[in-house]
N, C-alpha and C. Protein backbone atom coordinates (compact mmCIF):
# COMPACT_ATOMS: atom_id res chain seq x y z
N MET A 1 9.73 -19.92 -8.29
CA MET A 1 8.70 -19.02 -7.89
C MET A 1 8.98 -17.84 -8.77
N ARG A 2 8.08 -17.50 -9.13
CA ARG A 2 7.79 -15.87 -10.15
C ARG A 2 6.54 -15.54 -9.41
N PHE A 3 6.90 -13.67 -9.18
CA PHE A 3 6.06 -12.93 -8.99
C PHE A 3 6.58 -11.92 -9.90
N ALA A 4 5.65 -11.30 -10.95
CA ALA A 4 6.21 -10.17 -11.70
C ALA A 4 7.32 -10.28 -12.44
N ALA A 5 8.34 -9.78 -11.89
CA ALA A 5 9.68 -9.43 -12.53
C ALA A 5 10.82 -10.25 -11.21
N GLY A 6 10.08 -10.25 -10.09
CA GLY A 6 11.19 -10.76 -8.54
C GLY A 6 11.26 -9.68 -7.48
N CYS A 7 11.36 -8.62 -8.33
CA CYS A 7 11.56 -7.40 -7.40
C CYS A 7 10.50 -7.43 -5.92
N CYS A 8 11.19 -6.39 -5.36
CA CYS A 8 10.26 -6.06 -4.21
C CYS A 8 9.99 -7.01 -3.61
N TRP A 9 10.96 -8.40 -3.16
CA TRP A 9 10.55 -8.98 -2.36
C TRP A 9 11.32 -8.62 -1.10
N GLY A 10 10.23 -9.70 -0.17
CA GLY A 10 10.09 -9.77 1.20
C GLY A 10 11.85 -9.81 2.10
N ILE A 11 11.49 -9.56 2.89
CA ILE A 11 12.61 -10.27 4.16
C ILE A 11 12.41 -11.36 4.49
N GLU A 12 13.52 -12.18 4.78
CA GLU A 12 13.88 -13.50 5.42
C GLU A 12 13.14 -13.99 6.62
N THR A 13 11.85 -15.12 6.70
CA THR A 13 11.20 -15.22 7.26
C THR A 13 11.47 -16.73 7.18
N LYS A 14 10.68 -17.45 8.50
CA LYS A 14 10.76 -18.78 8.72
C LYS A 14 9.03 -19.02 8.52
N LEU A 15 8.37 -18.50 8.81
CA LEU A 15 6.74 -18.67 8.14
C LEU A 15 6.40 -19.73 7.62
N PRO A 16 5.46 -20.54 7.64
CA PRO A 16 5.00 -21.80 6.66
C PRO A 16 5.01 -21.20 5.40
N TRP A 17 4.32 -19.93 5.08
CA TRP A 17 4.21 -19.54 3.83
C TRP A 17 5.20 -19.05 2.93
N ALA A 18 6.23 -18.83 3.69
CA ALA A 18 7.49 -18.40 2.81
C ALA A 18 7.79 -19.25 2.20
N VAL A 19 8.10 -18.15 0.76
CA VAL A 19 7.95 -18.18 -0.86
C VAL A 19 10.43 -18.24 -0.85
N LYS A 20 10.36 -19.12 -1.98
CA LYS A 20 11.91 -18.90 -2.82
C LYS A 20 12.07 -19.19 -3.86
N PHE A 21 13.20 -18.30 -4.08
CA PHE A 21 13.22 -17.65 -5.79
C PHE A 21 14.20 -19.08 -6.19
N HIS A 22 14.19 -19.67 -6.94
CA HIS A 22 14.96 -20.63 -7.93
C HIS A 22 15.79 -20.38 -8.76
N ASP A 23 15.19 -18.74 -9.55
CA ASP A 23 15.45 -18.77 -11.15
C ASP A 23 16.61 -17.86 -10.84
N PRO A 24 18.12 -17.88 -11.86
CA PRO A 24 18.54 -17.43 -11.40
C PRO A 24 19.02 -16.40 -12.59
N GLN A 25 17.44 -15.86 -13.71
CA GLN A 25 17.55 -14.83 -13.89
C GLN A 25 17.07 -13.72 -13.35
N ALA A 26 16.38 -14.36 -12.46
CA ALA A 26 15.36 -13.62 -11.41
C ALA A 26 16.84 -12.90 -10.39
N TYR A 27 17.43 -13.34 -10.26
CA TYR A 27 18.90 -13.21 -9.47
C TYR A 27 19.29 -12.15 -10.48
N ALA A 28 19.55 -12.18 -11.45
CA ALA A 28 20.83 -11.87 -12.96
C ALA A 28 19.97 -10.35 -13.05
N LEU A 29 18.86 -10.50 -13.07
CA LEU A 29 17.70 -8.80 -12.91
C LEU A 29 17.33 -8.16 -12.49
N THR A 30 17.37 -8.81 -10.72
CA THR A 30 16.85 -7.65 -9.85
C THR A 30 17.39 -8.44 -8.42
N GLY A 31 18.41 -9.15 -8.17
CA GLY A 31 19.00 -9.45 -7.25
C GLY A 31 18.40 -10.06 -6.65
N VAL A 32 17.38 -11.04 -6.30
CA VAL A 32 16.63 -11.14 -5.03
C VAL A 32 16.96 -12.78 -4.83
N PRO A 33 17.22 -12.38 -3.59
CA PRO A 33 18.35 -13.95 -3.13
C PRO A 33 17.58 -15.43 -3.10
N LEU A 34 18.20 -16.40 -4.39
CA LEU A 34 18.34 -17.48 -4.31
C LEU A 34 17.75 -18.48 -2.73
N GLU A 35 17.10 -19.00 -3.01
CA GLU A 35 17.00 -20.71 -2.23
C GLU A 35 16.78 -19.79 -0.69
N ILE A 36 16.31 -18.58 -0.31
CA ILE A 36 16.42 -18.43 1.36
C ILE A 36 14.76 -17.89 0.87
N ALA A 37 14.18 -18.29 2.39
CA ALA A 37 12.48 -18.57 2.48
C ALA A 37 13.09 -16.39 2.59
N LEU A 38 11.69 -16.52 1.94
CA LEU A 38 11.06 -14.61 2.03
C LEU A 38 10.10 -14.67 2.09
N HIS A 39 9.75 -13.76 2.51
CA HIS A 39 8.06 -13.19 2.90
C HIS A 39 7.93 -12.69 1.33
N PRO A 40 6.29 -13.42 1.08
CA PRO A 40 5.72 -13.14 -0.17
C PRO A 40 5.84 -11.45 -0.16
N ALA A 41 6.11 -10.71 -0.07
CA ALA A 41 5.94 -9.35 0.27
C ALA A 41 4.74 -8.94 -1.44
N GLN A 42 4.93 -9.31 -2.47
CA GLN A 42 4.66 -8.96 -3.69
C GLN A 42 3.56 -9.50 -3.66
N LEU A 43 3.15 -10.85 -2.61
CA LEU A 43 1.41 -11.69 -2.73
C LEU A 43 0.79 -10.78 -1.79
N TYR A 44 1.26 -10.05 -0.53
CA TYR A 44 0.26 -9.47 0.54
C TYR A 44 0.08 -8.34 -0.24
N GLU A 45 1.00 -7.65 -1.15
CA GLU A 45 0.65 -6.34 -2.09
C GLU A 45 -0.61 -6.90 -2.59
N SER A 46 -0.58 -7.70 -3.17
CA SER A 46 -1.94 -7.87 -4.10
C SER A 46 -2.72 -8.26 -3.96
N SER A 47 -3.02 -9.08 -2.87
CA SER A 47 -3.65 -9.07 -2.40
C SER A 47 -4.49 -8.60 -1.54
N ALA A 48 -4.18 -7.73 -0.75
CA ALA A 48 -4.39 -6.20 -0.01
C ALA A 48 -5.04 -5.22 -1.50
N GLU A 49 -4.48 -5.01 -1.93
CA GLU A 49 -5.43 -4.37 -3.35
C GLU A 49 -6.58 -4.67 -3.64
N ALA A 50 -6.16 -6.18 -4.37
CA ALA A 50 -7.62 -7.12 -4.33
C ALA A 50 -9.24 -6.26 -3.61
N LEU A 51 -8.55 -6.89 -1.65
CA LEU A 51 -9.58 -6.96 -1.34
C LEU A 51 -10.10 -5.08 -0.59
N ILE A 52 -9.19 -4.77 -1.34
CA ILE A 52 -9.29 -2.81 -1.03
C ILE A 52 -10.31 -2.14 -1.76
N PHE A 53 -9.94 -2.90 -2.98
CA PHE A 53 -10.76 -3.01 -4.46
C PHE A 53 -11.94 -3.40 -4.36
N GLY A 54 -12.37 -4.65 -3.53
CA GLY A 54 -14.04 -5.27 -3.63
C GLY A 54 -14.32 -4.32 -2.56
N PHE A 55 -14.18 -3.98 -1.84
CA PHE A 55 -14.78 -3.05 -0.63
C PHE A 55 -15.25 -1.61 -1.11
N LEU A 56 -14.32 -0.77 -1.63
CA LEU A 56 -14.70 0.24 -1.83
C LEU A 56 -15.60 0.02 -3.72
N TYR A 57 -15.27 -1.05 -4.37
CA TYR A 57 -16.45 -0.89 -5.25
C TYR A 57 -17.85 -1.57 -4.29
N TRP A 58 -18.35 -2.08 -3.24
CA TRP A 58 -19.51 -1.84 -2.59
C TRP A 58 -19.30 -1.49 -2.81
N ARG A 59 -18.91 -0.23 -1.96
CA ARG A 59 -18.92 0.83 -1.59
C ARG A 59 -19.39 1.97 -1.85
N PHE A 60 -18.82 1.88 -3.26
CA PHE A 60 -19.53 3.22 -4.42
C PHE A 60 -20.81 2.93 -4.85
N GLY A 61 -21.64 1.65 -4.58
CA GLY A 61 -22.67 1.62 -5.24
C GLY A 61 -23.79 2.49 -3.98
N LYS A 62 -23.16 2.86 -2.43
CA LYS A 62 -24.01 3.06 -1.74
C LYS A 62 -23.39 4.28 -1.69
N PRO A 63 -24.93 5.39 -1.47
CA PRO A 63 -24.70 6.97 -1.04
C PRO A 63 -23.43 7.39 -0.53
N HIS A 64 -22.54 8.24 -1.01
CA HIS A 64 -21.53 8.59 -0.35
C HIS A 64 -21.10 10.52 -1.26
N ALA A 65 -20.33 10.82 -0.30
CA ALA A 65 -20.01 12.47 -0.74
C ALA A 65 -18.89 12.46 -2.04
N PRO A 66 -19.07 13.31 -2.84
CA PRO A 66 -17.78 13.41 -3.82
C PRO A 66 -16.87 13.41 -3.09
N GLY A 67 -15.52 12.90 -3.42
CA GLY A 67 -14.05 12.76 -2.49
C GLY A 67 -14.20 11.85 -1.75
N GLN A 68 -15.00 11.05 -1.02
CA GLN A 68 -15.14 10.04 -0.21
C GLN A 68 -14.65 9.15 -0.37
N ILE A 69 -14.30 8.00 -1.63
CA ILE A 69 -14.07 7.05 -2.26
C ILE A 69 -12.69 7.35 -2.40
N ILE A 70 -12.25 8.32 -2.94
CA ILE A 70 -10.73 8.13 -3.18
C ILE A 70 -10.28 8.54 -1.93
N GLY A 71 -10.65 9.13 -0.82
CA GLY A 71 -10.19 9.76 0.27
C GLY A 71 -10.04 8.20 1.05
N MET A 72 -10.78 7.28 0.81
CA MET A 72 -10.75 5.96 1.74
C MET A 72 -9.80 5.19 0.88
N TYR A 73 -10.11 5.39 -0.11
CA TYR A 73 -8.66 4.70 -0.92
C TYR A 73 -7.13 5.01 -0.48
N LEU A 74 -7.42 5.97 -0.26
CA LEU A 74 -6.24 6.62 0.04
C LEU A 74 -5.57 6.56 1.45
N VAL A 75 -6.50 6.29 2.61
CA VAL A 75 -6.28 6.05 3.62
C VAL A 75 -6.10 4.74 4.03
N ILE A 76 -6.80 4.01 3.57
CA ILE A 76 -6.50 2.47 3.39
C ILE A 76 -5.26 1.38 3.08
N SER A 77 -5.68 1.41 1.39
CA SER A 77 -4.36 1.49 0.52
C SER A 77 -3.09 1.78 1.36
N SER A 78 -2.35 3.70 1.49
CA SER A 78 -2.06 4.46 2.25
C SER A 78 -0.96 2.93 3.72
N THR A 79 -2.26 2.69 4.74
CA THR A 79 -1.86 2.28 5.89
C THR A 79 -1.82 0.98 5.61
N ILE A 80 -1.91 0.16 4.25
CA ILE A 80 -1.99 -1.36 4.62
C ILE A 80 -0.37 -1.42 3.51
N ARG A 81 -0.56 -0.60 2.80
CA ARG A 81 1.42 -0.08 2.21
C ARG A 81 2.75 0.09 3.53
N PHE A 82 1.92 0.78 4.06
CA PHE A 82 2.96 1.27 5.37
C PHE A 82 3.26 0.00 6.12
N LEU A 83 2.52 -0.73 6.26
CA LEU A 83 2.69 -1.88 7.38
C LEU A 83 2.84 -3.19 6.35
N ILE A 84 2.96 -2.96 5.27
CA ILE A 84 3.76 -3.85 4.32
C ILE A 84 4.95 -3.81 4.24
N GLU A 85 5.58 -2.89 4.18
CA GLU A 85 6.81 -2.61 3.84
C GLU A 85 7.50 -2.99 5.20
N PHE A 86 7.14 -3.02 5.75
CA PHE A 86 8.40 -3.51 7.22
C PHE A 86 8.39 -5.37 7.14
N THR A 87 7.51 -5.57 5.83
CA THR A 87 8.38 -7.17 5.56
C THR A 87 9.02 -7.08 3.89
N ARG A 88 8.87 -6.15 3.83
CA ARG A 88 10.06 -5.53 2.44
C ARG A 88 11.45 -5.77 2.19
N ASN A 89 11.91 -6.19 1.89
CA ASN A 89 13.63 -5.30 1.46
C ASN A 89 14.00 -4.33 1.22
N HIS A 90 14.87 -3.68 1.79
CA HIS A 90 15.21 -2.29 1.58
C HIS A 90 16.85 -2.37 0.53
N GLU A 91 17.31 -2.00 -0.45
CA GLU A 91 18.27 -2.05 -0.36
C GLU A 91 19.19 -0.58 -0.22
N GLN A 92 18.35 0.43 -0.53
CA GLN A 92 18.54 1.77 -0.19
C GLN A 92 18.67 2.22 1.21
N ALA A 93 19.52 2.66 1.90
CA ALA A 93 20.02 3.50 2.95
C ALA A 93 18.07 3.99 3.07
N LEU A 94 17.95 4.20 4.67
CA LEU A 94 16.59 4.89 5.06
C LEU A 94 17.07 6.62 4.84
N PRO A 95 15.85 6.79 4.85
CA PRO A 95 16.07 8.32 4.90
C PRO A 95 16.31 9.16 5.88
N PHE A 96 17.69 10.10 5.95
CA PHE A 96 17.76 11.05 6.67
C PHE A 96 18.43 9.97 8.26
N GLY A 97 18.25 8.45 8.10
CA GLY A 97 18.64 7.89 9.28
C GLY A 97 17.44 7.69 10.35
N LEU A 98 16.21 7.95 9.52
CA LEU A 98 14.88 7.90 10.26
C LEU A 98 14.32 6.25 10.32
N PRO A 99 13.40 5.86 10.82
CA PRO A 99 12.95 4.60 10.86
C PRO A 99 12.28 3.92 9.84
N PHE A 100 11.86 4.57 8.96
CA PHE A 100 10.71 4.02 7.91
C PHE A 100 11.64 4.60 6.50
N SER A 101 10.97 3.70 5.56
CA SER A 101 11.79 3.33 4.35
C SER A 101 11.19 5.01 3.62
N ILE A 102 11.62 5.19 2.19
CA ILE A 102 10.78 6.60 1.83
C ILE A 102 9.53 6.37 1.51
N THR A 103 8.85 4.68 0.65
CA THR A 103 8.00 4.39 0.45
C THR A 103 7.14 4.47 2.03
N GLN A 104 7.15 4.10 3.10
CA GLN A 104 6.47 4.52 3.77
C GLN A 104 6.35 5.74 4.26
N TRP A 105 7.19 7.10 4.48
CA TRP A 105 7.30 7.99 4.00
C TRP A 105 5.78 8.67 3.15
N ILE A 106 5.44 8.06 1.72
CA ILE A 106 5.37 8.64 1.10
C ILE A 106 3.73 8.30 1.57
N ALA A 107 3.84 6.65 2.29
CA ALA A 107 2.49 6.67 2.28
C ALA A 107 1.85 7.53 3.70
N ILE A 108 2.80 7.98 4.31
CA ILE A 108 2.01 8.71 5.32
C ILE A 108 1.93 9.37 4.93
N VAL A 109 1.94 10.55 4.20
CA VAL A 109 1.95 11.36 3.00
C VAL A 109 0.26 11.17 2.75
N LEU A 110 0.36 10.54 1.79
CA LEU A 110 -1.06 9.91 1.02
C LEU A 110 -2.17 10.05 2.51
N ALA A 111 -2.10 9.49 3.06
CA ALA A 111 -2.89 8.95 3.89
C ALA A 111 -3.35 9.87 4.91
N CYS A 112 -2.36 11.07 5.18
CA CYS A 112 -2.63 12.41 5.43
C CYS A 112 -3.85 12.94 5.15
N ALA A 113 -3.31 12.96 3.59
CA ALA A 113 -3.63 13.58 2.59
C ALA A 113 -5.58 13.04 2.31
N GLY A 114 -5.23 12.03 2.16
CA GLY A 114 -6.55 11.26 3.10
C GLY A 114 -7.34 11.41 3.61
N ALA A 115 -6.88 11.39 4.48
CA ALA A 115 -7.94 11.46 5.83
C ALA A 115 -8.38 13.22 5.93
N VAL A 116 -7.14 14.24 5.37
CA VAL A 116 -8.23 15.23 5.35
C VAL A 116 -8.70 15.42 4.18
N LEU A 117 -9.54 15.08 3.27
CA LEU A 117 -10.22 15.19 2.19
C LEU A 117 -11.63 14.07 2.30
N LEU A 118 -11.43 13.48 3.78
CA LEU A 118 -12.69 12.50 4.03
C LEU A 118 -13.06 13.37 5.47
N VAL A 119 -12.27 14.21 5.82
CA VAL A 119 -13.00 14.80 7.01
C VAL A 119 -13.51 16.46 6.30
N LYS A 120 -12.97 16.83 4.54
CA LYS A 120 -13.56 17.70 4.26
C LYS A 120 -14.55 17.67 3.71
N VAL A 121 -14.78 16.70 3.13
CA VAL A 121 -16.14 16.24 2.66
C VAL A 121 -17.43 15.38 3.67
N ARG A 122 -17.03 15.38 4.82
CA ARG A 122 -18.08 15.22 5.88
C ARG A 122 -18.70 16.51 6.43
N ARG A 123 -17.62 18.11 5.75
CA ARG A 123 -18.21 18.65 7.30
C ARG A 123 -19.27 19.37 6.04
N PRO A 124 -20.49 20.02 6.67
CA PRO A 124 -21.60 20.64 6.30
C PRO A 124 -21.10 21.99 5.56
N ALA A 125 -21.85 22.41 4.26
CA ALA A 125 -21.79 22.99 3.62
C ALA A 125 -21.68 24.51 4.29
N SER A 126 -20.83 25.62 3.84
CA SER A 126 -20.65 26.97 4.34
C SER A 126 -21.55 27.59 4.42
N VAL A 127 -21.46 28.80 5.55
CA VAL A 127 -23.08 28.98 5.68
C VAL A 127 -23.50 30.37 4.12
N ASN A 128 -22.11 30.32 4.15
CA ASN A 128 -22.07 31.72 2.71
C ASN A 128 -22.68 31.19 1.10
N GLN A 129 -22.71 29.96 1.08
CA GLN A 129 -23.01 29.59 0.25
C GLN A 129 -24.92 29.83 -0.17
N PRO A 130 -24.95 29.74 -1.37
CA PRO A 130 -26.33 30.68 -1.73
C PRO A 130 -26.98 29.23 -1.51
N VAL A 131 -28.26 29.49 -1.27
CA VAL A 131 -29.46 28.31 -0.97
C VAL A 131 -30.23 28.26 -2.32
N HIS A 132 -30.27 27.40 -3.25
CA HIS A 132 -31.40 28.09 -4.04
C HIS A 132 -32.67 27.58 -3.40
N ALA A 133 -33.39 27.65 -4.68
CA ALA A 133 -34.72 28.03 -3.96
C ALA A 133 -35.78 26.79 -5.35
């Protein structure tokens, strides 16, 4: 089984859709464990991004405020990435002994930035802005 370079593999699982890597080159390149049932984290990510693209492409055709689509992308994609990270193997230590990976902390920051953007684009125009007649 090959998914791109074989990196970002999942943690061990007994789920029926688990995948096993067999190629010694994948192990040599990335260290992915061979012959062990793993979460297909790469497929979770690519499937989620395809669904997000489909939703946002559909949403782009509807009326929206400037910045709303990117704000939605940041919130949705970062939330999905945060959740998928729980199924990924992390060889590096968690930062500061905290419960989340570096990628999850980045996802939290990006989701918050997207939420701020969405709140900002929903606010009515400032009263100080000139009115064009």
